C-alpha atoms as a PDB file:
ATOM      1  CA  UNK A   1      -0.014 -29.996 -25.229  1.00  0.00           C
ATOM      2  CA  UNK A   2      -1.273 -26.980 -27.200  1.00  0.00           C
ATOM      3  CA  UNK A   3      -2.679 -23.802 -25.693  1.00  0.00           C
ATOM      4  CA  UNK A   4      -4.787 -22.176 -28.401  1.00  0.00           C
ATOM      5  CA  UNK A   5      -6.485 -19.616 -26.182  1.00  0.00           C
ATOM      6  CA  UNK A   6      -3.481 -19.102 -23.968  1.00  0.00           C
ATOM      7  CA  UNK A   7      -3.879 -15.352 -23.427  1.00  0.00           C
ATOM      8  CA  UNK A   8      -7.291 -15.843 -21.759  1.00  0.00           C
ATOM      9  CA  UNK A   9      -5.864 -18.300 -19.239  1.00  0.00           C
ATOM     10  CA  UNK A  10      -3.844 -17.119 -16.271  1.00  0.00           C
ATOM     11  CA  UNK A  11      -0.861 -19.174 -15.157  1.00  0.00           C
ATOM     12  CA  UNK A  12       1.313 -18.957 -12.073  1.00  0.00           C
ATOM     13  CA  UNK A  13       4.761 -20.520 -12.344  1.00  0.00           C
ATOM     14  CA  UNK A  14       5.722 -21.910  -8.937  1.00  0.00           C
ATOM     15  CA  UNK A  15       9.243 -23.222  -8.257  1.00  0.00           C
ATOM     16  CA  UNK A  16      10.218 -23.144  -4.606  1.00  0.00           C
ATOM     17  CA  UNK A  17      12.941 -24.663  -2.441  1.00  0.00           C
ATOM     18  CA  UNK A  18      11.070 -23.687   0.711  1.00  0.00           C
ATOM     19  CA  UNK A  19       7.729 -25.461   0.419  1.00  0.00           C
ATOM     20  CA  UNK A  20       6.197 -23.915   3.542  1.00  0.00           C
ATOM     21  CA  UNK A  21       2.815 -22.316   2.839  1.00  0.00           C
ATOM     22  CA  UNK A  22       2.648 -24.079  -0.532  1.00  0.00           C
ATOM     23  CA  UNK A  23      -0.825 -25.486   0.141  1.00  0.00           C
ATOM     24  CA  UNK A  24      -2.089 -22.033   1.115  1.00  0.00           C
ATOM     25  CA  UNK A  25      -0.591 -20.567  -2.035  1.00  0.00           C
ATOM     26  CA  UNK A  26      -1.921 -23.173  -4.450  1.00  0.00           C
ATOM     27  CA  UNK A  27      -5.357 -23.279  -2.867  1.00  0.00           C
ATOM     28  CA  UNK A  28      -5.835 -19.541  -3.100  1.00  0.00           C
ATOM     29  CA  UNK A  29      -4.359 -19.189  -6.580  1.00  0.00           C
ATOM     30  CA  UNK A  30      -6.686 -21.856  -7.958  1.00  0.00           C
ATOM     31  CA  UNK A  31      -9.658 -20.259  -6.191  1.00  0.00           C
ATOM     32  CA  UNK A  32      -8.799 -17.090  -8.092  1.00  0.00           C
ATOM     33  CA  UNK A  33      -8.730 -18.966 -11.427  1.00  0.00           C
ATOM     34  CA  UNK A  34      -4.966 -19.328 -11.823  1.00  0.00           C
ATOM     35  CA  UNK A  35      -3.609 -22.503 -13.337  1.00  0.00           C
ATOM     36  CA  UNK A  36      -0.378 -23.819 -11.869  1.00  0.00           C
ATOM     37  CA  UNK A  37       2.849 -24.607 -13.698  1.00  0.00           C
ATOM     38  CA  UNK A  38       5.991 -26.074 -12.190  1.00  0.00           C
ATOM     39  CA  UNK A  39       8.814 -28.564 -12.506  1.00  0.00           C
ATOM     40  CA  UNK A  40      10.762 -31.084 -10.478  1.00  0.00           C
ATOM     41  CA  UNK A  41      10.072 -31.567  -6.792  1.00  0.00           C
ATOM     42  CA  UNK A  42       7.799 -28.523  -6.557  1.00  0.00           C
ATOM     43  CA  UNK A  43       5.500 -29.890  -9.237  1.00  0.00           C
ATOM     44  CA  UNK A  44       5.464 -33.311  -7.554  1.00  0.00           C
ATOM     45  CA  UNK A  45       4.609 -31.707  -4.212  1.00  0.00           C
ATOM     46  CA  UNK A  46       1.799 -29.622  -5.701  1.00  0.00           C
ATOM     47  CA  UNK A  47       0.241 -32.679  -7.357  1.00  0.00           C
ATOM     48  CA  UNK A  48       0.638 -34.746  -4.174  1.00  0.00           C
ATOM     49  CA  UNK A  49      -1.525 -32.159  -2.396  1.00  0.00           C
ATOM     50  CA  UNK A  50      -4.291 -32.702  -4.936  1.00  0.00           C
ATOM     51  CA  UNK A  51      -3.829 -29.690  -7.206  1.00  0.00           C
ATOM     52  CA  UNK A  52      -3.530 -29.834 -10.969  1.00  0.00           C
ATOM     53  CA  UNK A  53      -0.154 -28.636 -12.186  1.00  0.00           C
ATOM     54  CA  UNK A  54       1.248 -28.416 -15.708  1.00  0.00           C
ATOM     55  CA  UNK A  55       4.822 -29.626 -15.945  1.00  0.00           C
ATOM     56  CA  UNK A  56       7.150 -27.127 -17.610  1.00  0.00           C
ATOM     57  CA  UNK A  57       8.659 -29.891 -19.737  1.00  0.00           C
ATOM     58  CA  UNK A  58       5.257 -30.440 -21.380  1.00  0.00           C
ATOM     59  CA  UNK A  59       5.176 -26.789 -22.398  1.00  0.00           C
ATOM     60  CA  UNK A  60       8.757 -26.652 -23.636  1.00  0.00           C
ATOM     61  CA  UNK A  61       8.908 -30.235 -24.998  1.00  0.00           C
ATOM     62  CA  UNK A  62      12.304 -30.376 -23.277  1.00  0.00           C
ATOM     63  CA  UNK A  63      12.937 -32.809 -20.437  1.00  0.00           C
ATOM     64  CA  UNK A  64      14.795 -31.851 -17.297  1.00  0.00           C
ATOM     65  CA  UNK A  65      18.479 -32.645 -17.667  1.00  0.00           C
ATOM     66  CA  UNK A  66      21.654 -33.041 -15.631  1.00  0.00           C
ATOM     67  CA  UNK A  67      19.942 -33.927 -12.335  1.00  0.00           C
ATOM     68  CA  UNK A  68      17.672 -30.894 -12.566  1.00  0.00           C
ATOM     69  CA  UNK A  69      20.381 -28.364 -13.410  1.00  0.00           C
ATOM     70  CA  UNK A  70      18.420 -27.477 -16.552  1.00  0.00           C
ATOM     71  CA  UNK A  71      14.667 -27.180 -16.006  1.00  0.00           C
ATOM     72  CA  UNK A  72      13.285 -23.723 -16.586  1.00  0.00           C
ATOM     73  CA  UNK A  73      16.042 -22.241 -18.751  1.00  0.00           C
ATOM     74  CA  UNK A  74      14.123 -22.334 -22.002  1.00  0.00           C
ATOM     75  CA  UNK A  75      13.250 -19.601 -24.546  1.00  0.00           C
ATOM     76  CA  UNK A  76       9.549 -20.532 -24.496  1.00  0.00           C
ATOM     77  CA  UNK A  77       9.294 -19.796 -20.771  1.00  0.00           C
ATOM     78  CA  UNK A  78      11.133 -16.501 -21.139  1.00  0.00           C
ATOM     79  CA  UNK A  79       9.001 -15.579 -24.137  1.00  0.00           C
ATOM     80  CA  UNK A  80       5.941 -15.890 -21.925  1.00  0.00           C
ATOM     81  CA  UNK A  81       7.544 -13.808 -19.181  1.00  0.00           C
ATOM     82  CA  UNK A  82       9.068 -11.043 -21.288  1.00  0.00           C
ATOM     83  CA  UNK A  83       6.671 -10.288 -24.116  1.00  0.00           C
ATOM     84  CA  UNK A  84       4.916  -6.925 -23.857  1.00  0.00           C
ATOM     85  CA  UNK A  85       1.185  -7.485 -23.585  1.00  0.00           C
ATOM     86  CA  UNK A  86       0.373  -4.061 -25.054  1.00  0.00           C
ATOM     87  CA  UNK A  87       2.602  -4.498 -28.104  1.00  0.00           C
ATOM     88  CA  UNK A  88       0.654  -5.965 -31.048  1.00  0.00           C
ATOM     89  CA  UNK A  89       3.759  -7.358 -32.724  1.00  0.00           C
ATOM     90  CA  UNK A  90       4.831  -9.049 -29.494  1.00  0.00           C
ATOM     91  CA  UNK A  91       1.326 -10.420 -29.019  1.00  0.00           C
ATOM     92  CA  UNK A  92       1.239 -11.953 -32.513  1.00  0.00           C
ATOM     93  CA  UNK A  93       4.641 -13.550 -32.002  1.00  0.00           C
ATOM     94  CA  UNK A  94       3.561 -14.911 -28.631  1.00  0.00           C
ATOM     95  CA  UNK A  95       0.322 -16.363 -29.996  1.00  0.00           C
ATOM     96  CA  UNK A  96       2.266 -18.166 -32.698  1.00  0.00           C
ATOM     97  CA  UNK A  97       4.158 -20.065 -29.971  1.00  0.00           C
ATOM     98  CA  UNK A  98       0.921 -21.612 -28.623  1.00  0.00           C
ATOM     99  CA  UNK A  99       2.140 -21.637 -25.031  1.00  0.00           C
ATOM    100  CA  UNK A 100       0.554 -20.439 -21.759  1.00  0.00           C
ATOM    101  CA  UNK A 101       0.788 -16.851 -20.630  1.00  0.00           C
ATOM    102  CA  UNK A 102       2.576 -16.686 -17.280  1.00  0.00           C
ATOM    103  CA  UNK A 103       1.285 -13.828 -15.126  1.00  0.00           C
ATOM    104  CA  UNK A 104       2.837 -14.690 -11.769  1.00  0.00           C
ATOM    105  CA  UNK A 105       6.281 -16.103 -10.971  1.00  0.00           C
ATOM    106  CA  UNK A 106       6.771 -17.461  -7.459  1.00  0.00           C
ATOM    107  CA  UNK A 107      10.316 -18.600  -6.740  1.00  0.00           C
ATOM    108  CA  UNK A 108      12.429 -18.791  -3.631  1.00  0.00           C
ATOM    109  CA  UNK A 109      16.112 -19.483  -4.064  1.00  0.00           C
ATOM    110  CA  UNK A 110      18.371 -22.310  -2.991  1.00  0.00           C
ATOM    111  CA  UNK A 111      19.598 -21.407   0.533  1.00  0.00           C
ATOM    112  CA  UNK A 112      23.227 -20.805  -0.405  1.00  0.00           C
ATOM    113  CA  UNK A 113      24.003 -19.084   2.891  1.00  0.00           C
ATOM    114  CA  UNK A 114      23.272 -22.282   4.845  1.00  0.00           C
ATOM    115  CA  UNK A 115      25.860 -24.203   2.844  1.00  0.00           C
ATOM    116  CA  UNK A 116      28.682 -21.745   2.173  1.00  0.00           C
ATOM    117  CA  UNK A 117      30.675 -22.774   5.253  1.00  0.00           C
ATOM    118  CA  UNK A 118      30.855 -26.510   4.542  1.00  0.00           C
ATOM    119  CA  UNK A 119      34.097 -27.942   3.200  1.00  0.00           C
ATOM    120  CA  UNK A 120      32.636 -29.932   0.305  1.00  0.00           C
ATOM    121  CA  UNK A 121      32.969 -27.445  -2.556  1.00  0.00           C
ATOM    122  CA  UNK A 122      30.801 -29.491  -4.915  1.00  0.00           C
ATOM    123  CA  UNK A 123      27.865 -29.447  -2.473  1.00  0.00           C
ATOM    124  CA  UNK A 124      28.189 -25.688  -2.072  1.00  0.00           C
ATOM    125  CA  UNK A 125      28.243 -25.174  -5.834  1.00  0.00           C
ATOM    126  CA  UNK A 126      24.994 -27.124  -6.194  1.00  0.00           C
ATOM    127  CA  UNK A 127      23.355 -24.540  -3.944  1.00  0.00           C
ATOM    128  CA  UNK A 128      24.051 -21.764  -6.458  1.00  0.00           C
ATOM    129  CA  UNK A 129      20.642 -21.091  -7.964  1.00  0.00           C
ATOM    130  CA  UNK A 130      20.699 -20.243 -11.672  1.00  0.00           C
ATOM    131  CA  UNK A 131      17.160 -20.739 -12.949  1.00  0.00           C
ATOM    132  CA  UNK A 132      15.464 -19.116  -9.953  1.00  0.00           C
ATOM    133  CA  UNK A 133      17.113 -15.691 -10.190  1.00  0.00           C
ATOM    134  CA  UNK A 134      16.725 -15.754 -13.981  1.00  0.00           C
ATOM    135  CA  UNK A 135      12.976 -16.346 -13.767  1.00  0.00           C
ATOM    136  CA  UNK A 136      12.545 -13.686 -11.107  1.00  0.00           C
ATOM    137  CA  UNK A 137      14.620 -11.108 -12.959  1.00  0.00           C
ATOM    138  CA  UNK A 138      12.707 -11.682 -16.188  1.00  0.00           C
ATOM    139  CA  UNK A 139       9.369 -11.330 -14.400  1.00  0.00           C
ATOM    140  CA  UNK A 140      10.617  -8.222 -12.608  1.00  0.00           C
ATOM    141  CA  UNK A 141      11.827  -6.603 -15.808  1.00  0.00           C
ATOM    142  CA  UNK A 142       8.296  -7.046 -17.163  1.00  0.00           C
ATOM    143  CA  UNK A 143       6.623  -5.949 -13.915  1.00  0.00           C
ATOM    144  CA  UNK A 144       4.207  -3.855 -15.943  1.00  0.00           C
ATOM    145  CA  UNK A 145       2.428  -7.135 -16.662  1.00  0.00           C
ATOM    146  CA  UNK A 146       4.012  -9.922 -14.567  1.00  0.00           C
ATOM    147  CA  UNK A 147       4.088 -10.357 -10.791  1.00  0.00           C
ATOM    148  CA  UNK A 148       7.346 -11.669  -9.239  1.00  0.00           C
ATOM    149  CA  UNK A 149       7.343 -13.148  -5.727  1.00  0.00           C
ATOM    150  CA  UNK A 150      10.621 -14.136  -4.040  1.00  0.00           C
ATOM    151  CA  UNK A 151       9.628 -14.305  -0.355  1.00  0.00           C
ATOM    152  CA  UNK A 152       7.181 -16.706   1.317  1.00  0.00           C
ATOM    153  CA  UNK A 153       6.211 -13.819   3.603  1.00  0.00           C
ATOM    154  CA  UNK A 154       4.604 -12.124   0.604  1.00  0.00           C
ATOM    155  CA  UNK A 155       2.195 -14.950  -0.228  1.00  0.00           C
ATOM    156  CA  UNK A 156      -0.595 -13.463   1.870  1.00  0.00           C
ATOM    157  CA  UNK A 157       0.034 -10.020   0.359  1.00  0.00           C
ATOM    158  CA  UNK A 158      -0.161 -11.547  -3.108  1.00  0.00           C
ATOM    159  CA  UNK A 159      -3.491 -13.251  -2.473  1.00  0.00           C
ATOM    160  CA  UNK A 160      -4.954 -10.148  -0.813  1.00  0.00           C
ATOM    161  CA  UNK A 161      -3.876  -8.021  -3.771  1.00  0.00           C
ATOM    162  CA  UNK A 162      -5.425 -10.479  -6.219  1.00  0.00           C
ATOM    163  CA  UNK A 163      -8.702 -10.416  -4.302  1.00  0.00           C
ATOM    164  CA  UNK A 164      -8.638  -6.639  -4.144  1.00  0.00           C
ATOM    165  CA  UNK A 165      -8.159  -6.361  -7.904  1.00  0.00           C
ATOM    166  CA  UNK A 166     -10.678  -8.910  -9.182  1.00  0.00           C
ATOM    167  CA  UNK A 167      -8.219 -11.676  -9.935  1.00  0.00           C
ATOM    168  CA  UNK A 168      -5.206  -9.601 -10.947  1.00  0.00           C
ATOM    169  CA  UNK A 169      -2.475  -7.654  -9.179  1.00  0.00           C
ATOM    170  CA  UNK A 170      -2.015  -3.894  -9.410  1.00  0.00           C
ATOM    171  CA  UNK A 171       1.007  -2.104 -10.848  1.00  0.00           C
ATOM    172  CA  UNK A 172       2.070  -0.708  -7.466  1.00  0.00           C
ATOM    173  CA  UNK A 173       2.260  -4.169  -5.923  1.00  0.00           C
ATOM    174  CA  UNK A 174       4.138  -5.590  -8.918  1.00  0.00           C
ATOM    175  CA  UNK A 175       6.676  -2.772  -8.840  1.00  0.00           C
ATOM    176  CA  UNK A 176       7.229  -3.246  -5.103  1.00  0.00           C
ATOM    177  CA  UNK A 177       7.798  -6.975  -5.602  1.00  0.00           C
ATOM    178  CA  UNK A 178      10.189  -6.296  -8.511  1.00  0.00           C
ATOM    179  CA  UNK A 179      12.197  -3.988  -6.278  1.00  0.00           C
ATOM    180  CA  UNK A 180      12.387  -6.727  -3.660  1.00  0.00           C
ATOM    181  CA  UNK A 181      13.568  -9.273  -6.240  1.00  0.00           C
ATOM    182  CA  UNK A 182      16.501  -7.151  -7.389  1.00  0.00           C
ATOM    183  CA  UNK A 183      17.379  -6.268  -3.805  1.00  0.00           C
ATOM    184  CA  UNK A 184      17.386  -9.914  -2.689  1.00  0.00           C
ATOM    185  CA  UNK A 185      19.143 -11.338  -5.753  1.00  0.00           C
ATOM    186  CA  UNK A 186      21.824  -8.667  -5.358  1.00  0.00           C
ATOM    187  CA  UNK A 187      22.484  -9.869  -1.798  1.00  0.00           C
ATOM    188  CA  UNK A 188      22.454 -13.450  -3.030  1.00  0.00           C
ATOM    189  CA  UNK A 189      25.071 -12.747  -5.701  1.00  0.00           C
ATOM    190  CA  UNK A 190      27.271 -10.953  -3.169  1.00  0.00           C
ATOM    191  CA  UNK A 191      27.237 -14.016  -0.901  1.00  0.00           C
ATOM    192  CA  UNK A 192      28.259 -16.225  -3.808  1.00  0.00           C
ATOM    193  CA  UNK A 193      31.021 -13.902  -5.026  1.00  0.00           C
ATOM    194  CA  UNK A 194      32.388 -13.639  -1.471  1.00  0.00           C
ATOM    195  CA  UNK A 195      32.468 -17.444  -1.244  1.00  0.00           C
ATOM    196  CA  UNK A 196      34.333 -17.762  -4.542  1.00  0.00           C
ATOM    197  CA  UNK A 197      36.827 -15.159  -3.403  1.00  0.00           C
ATOM    198  CA  UNK A 198      37.484 -17.118  -0.226  1.00  0.00           C
ATOM    199  CA  UNK A 199      38.211 -20.471  -1.871  1.00  0.00           C
ATOM    200  CA  UNK A 200      41.770 -21.504  -1.099  1.00  0.00           C
ATOM    201  CA  UNK A 201      43.944 -22.448  -4.063  1.00  0.00           C
END
């Protein structure tokens, strides 16, 4: 799959554990001319609801591995998230990759807090989200151009902001969402570090 005019197309990368409000999200994003990209169970769910969705593995040419432990951790995805749209050198490098431009990243994390009290250490470890925080942090670092969304409660705000700004989001909204990402991922990491510290030898 080659994306020759990728900069003119708008993509939203959606990878969510909590699939509540997913139909609302996908319906309104597509109405505002966003194409959807996802992986794993989220992509399957989106397609089952009747929406077109590009699988990340088709963009990266790299299949999901290790029971889904490695899905989105790929330099092509992070190239799309981190390149500076107003830097001509960055733009040329990005165009040479022939991949979609991701403008919105919507991720909610594995619910580690719901599992950190169970005795099966292996099950708890599988609830440590790696790809989710990485995607959100990359999008947040590039908030000048990319919109990060970590909370399902912000879906309506996202759609309203897109409508208000003729299909895009404004810098104030993106910065607010970036702040929320770093605040929430910081809390998430603290929960995980506390759990590790409490493991009995």
